[in-house]
N, C-alpha and C. Protein backbone atom coordinates (compact mmCIF):
# COMPACT_ATOMS: atom_id res chain seq x y z
N SER A 1 181.85 162.92 56.18
CA SER A 1 182.38 164.22 56.59
C SER A 1 183.76 164.03 57.20
N THR A 2 184.66 164.92 56.89
CA THR A 2 186.01 164.81 57.42
C THR A 2 186.17 165.49 58.77
N THR A 3 185.19 166.27 59.18
CA THR A 3 185.29 166.91 60.49
C THR A 3 184.39 166.20 61.47
N ASN A 4 184.80 166.17 62.71
CA ASN A 4 184.03 165.51 63.75
C ASN A 4 182.98 166.42 64.36
N LEU A 5 183.08 167.71 64.15
CA LEU A 5 182.22 168.66 64.85
C LEU A 5 181.03 169.12 64.02
N HIS A 6 180.68 168.39 62.96
CA HIS A 6 179.49 168.67 62.17
C HIS A 6 179.42 170.12 61.69
N MET A 7 180.45 170.55 61.03
CA MET A 7 180.49 171.90 60.49
C MET A 7 179.86 171.88 59.10
N ASN A 8 179.06 172.88 58.78
CA ASN A 8 178.54 172.97 57.43
C ASN A 8 179.37 173.98 56.65
N SER A 9 178.97 174.24 55.42
CA SER A 9 179.79 175.11 54.57
C SER A 9 179.88 176.54 55.10
N ALA A 10 178.94 176.95 55.92
CA ALA A 10 178.98 178.30 56.48
C ALA A 10 179.80 178.35 57.77
N SER A 11 180.42 177.25 58.13
CA SER A 11 181.25 177.15 59.34
C SER A 11 180.46 177.45 60.61
N THR A 12 179.25 176.96 60.68
CA THR A 12 178.46 177.09 61.90
C THR A 12 178.46 175.76 62.62
N PHE A 13 178.29 175.84 63.89
CA PHE A 13 178.29 174.65 64.73
C PHE A 13 176.95 174.57 65.44
N ASP A 14 176.27 173.46 65.31
CA ASP A 14 174.99 173.24 65.95
C ASP A 14 175.21 172.38 67.20
N LEU A 15 175.28 173.03 68.36
CA LEU A 15 175.56 172.32 69.60
C LEU A 15 174.50 171.27 69.89
N ASN A 16 173.23 171.62 69.69
CA ASN A 16 172.17 170.67 69.98
C ASN A 16 172.31 169.41 69.12
N GLU A 17 172.60 169.59 67.84
CA GLU A 17 172.79 168.45 66.94
C GLU A 17 173.99 167.61 67.40
N TYR A 18 175.05 168.27 67.80
CA TYR A 18 176.24 167.57 68.26
C TYR A 18 175.94 166.78 69.53
N LEU A 19 175.24 167.40 70.49
CA LEU A 19 174.87 166.71 71.73
C LEU A 19 174.06 165.46 71.43
N ILE A 20 173.08 165.60 70.57
CA ILE A 20 172.22 164.47 70.21
C ILE A 20 173.04 163.37 69.54
N SER A 21 173.97 163.77 68.68
CA SER A 21 174.77 162.78 67.94
C SER A 21 175.69 161.97 68.84
N LYS A 22 176.07 162.49 69.99
CA LYS A 22 177.01 161.82 70.89
C LYS A 22 176.33 161.12 72.06
N LYS A 23 175.10 161.50 72.38
CA LYS A 23 174.45 161.03 73.60
C LYS A 23 174.33 159.51 73.66
N THR A 24 173.93 158.86 72.59
CA THR A 24 173.74 157.41 72.60
C THR A 24 175.06 156.69 72.89
N THR A 25 176.12 157.14 72.26
CA THR A 25 177.44 156.52 72.47
C THR A 25 177.91 156.72 73.91
N VAL A 26 177.68 157.92 74.44
CA VAL A 26 178.06 158.21 75.82
C VAL A 26 177.26 157.33 76.77
N GLU A 27 175.97 157.22 76.56
CA GLU A 27 175.13 156.41 77.45
C GLU A 27 175.52 154.94 77.40
N LYS A 28 175.88 154.44 76.23
CA LYS A 28 176.33 153.05 76.10
C LYS A 28 177.62 152.86 76.90
N ALA A 29 178.55 153.78 76.77
CA ALA A 29 179.81 153.68 77.51
C ALA A 29 179.59 153.77 79.01
N LEU A 30 178.68 154.64 79.44
CA LEU A 30 178.36 154.75 80.86
C LEU A 30 177.77 153.43 81.38
N ASP A 31 176.84 152.88 80.64
CA ASP A 31 176.19 151.64 81.04
C ASP A 31 177.20 150.51 81.15
N GLU A 32 178.14 150.45 80.23
CA GLU A 32 179.15 149.40 80.22
C GLU A 32 180.25 149.61 81.25
N SER A 33 180.29 150.80 81.85
CA SER A 33 181.39 151.13 82.77
C SER A 33 181.17 150.61 84.19
N VAL A 34 179.95 150.27 84.52
CA VAL A 34 179.66 149.78 85.87
C VAL A 34 179.16 148.35 85.77
N VAL A 35 180.08 147.41 85.96
CA VAL A 35 179.75 146.00 85.84
C VAL A 35 180.29 145.27 87.06
N SER A 36 179.43 144.56 87.72
CA SER A 36 179.85 143.77 88.87
C SER A 36 180.57 142.52 88.38
N THR A 37 181.70 142.24 88.99
CA THR A 37 182.45 141.04 88.61
C THR A 37 182.42 139.98 89.70
N THR A 38 181.87 140.33 90.84
CA THR A 38 181.70 139.36 91.93
C THR A 38 180.38 139.64 92.63
N LYS A 39 179.85 138.64 93.30
CA LYS A 39 178.56 138.84 93.97
C LYS A 39 178.64 139.91 95.07
N GLU A 40 179.82 140.10 95.62
CA GLU A 40 179.98 141.10 96.68
C GLU A 40 179.79 142.53 96.18
N THR A 41 179.97 142.75 94.90
CA THR A 41 179.82 144.11 94.36
C THR A 41 178.50 144.30 93.60
N ASP A 42 177.66 143.28 93.58
CA ASP A 42 176.39 143.38 92.84
C ASP A 42 175.55 144.57 93.28
N LYS A 43 175.35 144.71 94.57
CA LYS A 43 174.45 145.75 95.09
C LYS A 43 175.00 147.16 94.84
N ILE A 44 176.28 147.36 95.08
CA ILE A 44 176.85 148.70 94.87
C ILE A 44 176.85 149.05 93.39
N CYS A 45 177.14 148.10 92.53
CA CYS A 45 177.11 148.36 91.09
C CYS A 45 175.69 148.66 90.61
N GLU A 46 174.72 147.94 91.17
CA GLU A 46 173.32 148.21 90.83
C GLU A 46 172.93 149.63 91.26
N SER A 47 173.34 150.03 92.44
CA SER A 47 173.05 151.39 92.93
C SER A 47 173.74 152.45 92.08
N MET A 48 174.99 152.20 91.73
CA MET A 48 175.73 153.15 90.90
C MET A 48 175.08 153.30 89.53
N SER A 49 174.71 152.18 88.94
CA SER A 49 174.06 152.22 87.62
C SER A 49 172.74 152.96 87.67
N TYR A 50 171.98 152.72 88.73
CA TYR A 50 170.68 153.39 88.87
C TYR A 50 170.86 154.91 88.82
N SER A 51 171.81 155.42 89.56
CA SER A 51 172.03 156.87 89.59
C SER A 51 172.66 157.38 88.31
N LEU A 52 173.64 156.65 87.81
CA LEU A 52 174.36 157.07 86.62
C LEU A 52 173.47 157.08 85.37
N MET A 53 172.54 156.14 85.30
CA MET A 53 171.71 156.00 84.10
C MET A 53 170.34 156.67 84.26
N ALA A 54 170.21 157.54 85.24
CA ALA A 54 168.93 158.22 85.49
C ALA A 54 168.57 159.24 84.42
N GLY A 55 169.46 159.46 83.49
CA GLY A 55 169.17 160.39 82.39
C GLY A 55 169.90 161.70 82.55
N GLY A 56 169.71 162.53 81.58
CA GLY A 56 170.36 163.83 81.59
C GLY A 56 170.87 164.17 80.20
N LYS A 57 171.36 165.36 80.08
CA LYS A 57 171.82 165.85 78.77
C LYS A 57 173.20 165.33 78.40
N ARG A 58 173.98 164.93 79.40
CA ARG A 58 175.34 164.43 79.19
C ARG A 58 176.26 165.49 78.61
N ILE A 59 176.04 166.73 79.05
CA ILE A 59 176.84 167.86 78.56
C ILE A 59 178.32 167.67 78.85
N ARG A 60 178.67 167.28 80.07
CA ARG A 60 180.07 167.19 80.45
C ARG A 60 180.85 166.17 79.62
N PRO A 61 180.35 164.95 79.47
CA PRO A 61 181.11 164.01 78.64
C PRO A 61 181.16 164.43 77.17
N VAL A 62 180.09 165.03 76.68
CA VAL A 62 180.09 165.46 75.28
C VAL A 62 181.09 166.60 75.07
N LEU A 63 181.18 167.52 76.01
CA LEU A 63 182.17 168.59 75.90
C LEU A 63 183.59 168.03 75.96
N CYS A 64 183.79 167.00 76.75
CA CYS A 64 185.10 166.34 76.81
C CYS A 64 185.45 165.76 75.45
N ILE A 65 184.51 165.08 74.83
CA ILE A 65 184.72 164.49 73.50
C ILE A 65 185.00 165.59 72.48
N ALA A 66 184.21 166.66 72.54
CA ALA A 66 184.39 167.77 71.59
C ALA A 66 185.78 168.39 71.72
N ALA A 67 186.24 168.59 72.95
CA ALA A 67 187.57 169.16 73.16
C ALA A 67 188.65 168.24 72.59
N CYS A 68 188.50 166.96 72.83
CA CYS A 68 189.47 165.99 72.30
C CYS A 68 189.48 166.03 70.77
N GLU A 69 188.30 166.01 70.17
CA GLU A 69 188.19 166.05 68.71
C GLU A 69 188.76 167.35 68.13
N MET A 70 188.55 168.44 68.85
CA MET A 70 189.03 169.74 68.38
C MET A 70 190.56 169.74 68.22
N PHE A 71 191.23 168.95 69.06
CA PHE A 71 192.69 168.91 69.00
C PHE A 71 193.21 167.66 68.29
N GLY A 72 192.34 167.03 67.48
CA GLY A 72 192.78 165.92 66.65
C GLY A 72 192.58 164.54 67.23
N GLY A 73 192.02 164.46 68.42
CA GLY A 73 191.76 163.16 69.04
C GLY A 73 190.45 162.57 68.55
N THR A 74 190.11 161.44 69.09
CA THR A 74 188.90 160.75 68.68
C THR A 74 187.94 160.55 69.86
N GLU A 75 186.71 160.25 69.52
CA GLU A 75 185.72 159.93 70.54
C GLU A 75 186.18 158.75 71.39
N LEU A 76 186.73 157.75 70.75
CA LEU A 76 187.22 156.56 71.46
C LEU A 76 188.30 156.91 72.47
N GLU A 77 189.21 157.79 72.09
CA GLU A 77 190.28 158.20 73.00
C GLU A 77 189.73 159.00 74.17
N ALA A 78 188.71 159.79 73.93
CA ALA A 78 188.15 160.67 74.97
C ALA A 78 187.19 159.95 75.91
N MET A 79 186.61 158.84 75.46
CA MET A 79 185.52 158.23 76.21
C MET A 79 185.84 157.86 77.66
N PRO A 80 187.00 157.28 77.98
CA PRO A 80 187.25 156.99 79.40
C PRO A 80 187.19 158.25 80.28
N THR A 81 187.75 159.34 79.82
CA THR A 81 187.70 160.59 80.58
C THR A 81 186.29 161.14 80.61
N ALA A 82 185.58 161.04 79.50
CA ALA A 82 184.20 161.52 79.43
C ALA A 82 183.32 160.78 80.43
N VAL A 83 183.48 159.47 80.50
CA VAL A 83 182.72 158.65 81.45
C VAL A 83 183.08 159.03 82.89
N ALA A 84 184.35 159.22 83.15
CA ALA A 84 184.78 159.60 84.49
C ALA A 84 184.19 160.94 84.91
N LEU A 85 184.15 161.90 83.99
CA LEU A 85 183.55 163.21 84.30
C LEU A 85 182.08 163.06 84.67
N GLU A 86 181.35 162.25 83.93
CA GLU A 86 179.93 162.07 84.23
C GLU A 86 179.74 161.35 85.56
N MET A 87 180.62 160.40 85.86
CA MET A 87 180.54 159.71 87.16
C MET A 87 180.79 160.69 88.31
N ILE A 88 181.78 161.54 88.16
CA ILE A 88 182.07 162.54 89.21
C ILE A 88 180.89 163.49 89.35
N HIS A 89 180.33 163.93 88.25
CA HIS A 89 179.17 164.83 88.30
C HIS A 89 178.00 164.15 89.01
N THR A 90 177.70 162.92 88.65
CA THR A 90 176.59 162.19 89.27
C THR A 90 176.83 162.04 90.77
N MET A 91 178.05 161.69 91.15
CA MET A 91 178.37 161.56 92.56
C MET A 91 178.18 162.88 93.29
N SER A 92 178.54 163.97 92.65
CA SER A 92 178.41 165.29 93.30
C SER A 92 176.94 165.64 93.54
N LEU A 93 176.06 165.18 92.67
CA LEU A 93 174.63 165.43 92.87
C LEU A 93 174.08 164.62 94.04
N ILE A 94 174.55 163.41 94.17
CA ILE A 94 174.09 162.51 95.22
C ILE A 94 174.61 162.95 96.58
N HIS A 95 175.86 163.37 96.63
CA HIS A 95 176.51 163.68 97.90
C HIS A 95 176.46 165.15 98.26
N ASP A 96 175.64 165.90 97.56
CA ASP A 96 175.53 167.33 97.83
C ASP A 96 174.74 167.59 99.09
């Protein structure tokens, strides 16, 4: 398919299908984003990963990717911002 947004011939968009299609990639990027590089950061990185990887629909990062794709960008280009949005969202839930 030449479009990133899974459009069919009737020009309909299936949000649920799109969310499902992006969730695995988003979760992989999230998991890879919190890595301890020294023993001093092991515990905080473990805590961050626990909260970040607790699950969810990942609506915010997927919408970020969709917006980027809509304007000609790629999932790869959008992923750092998508991950950051999910991190901010997760932090807001914890610190609420």
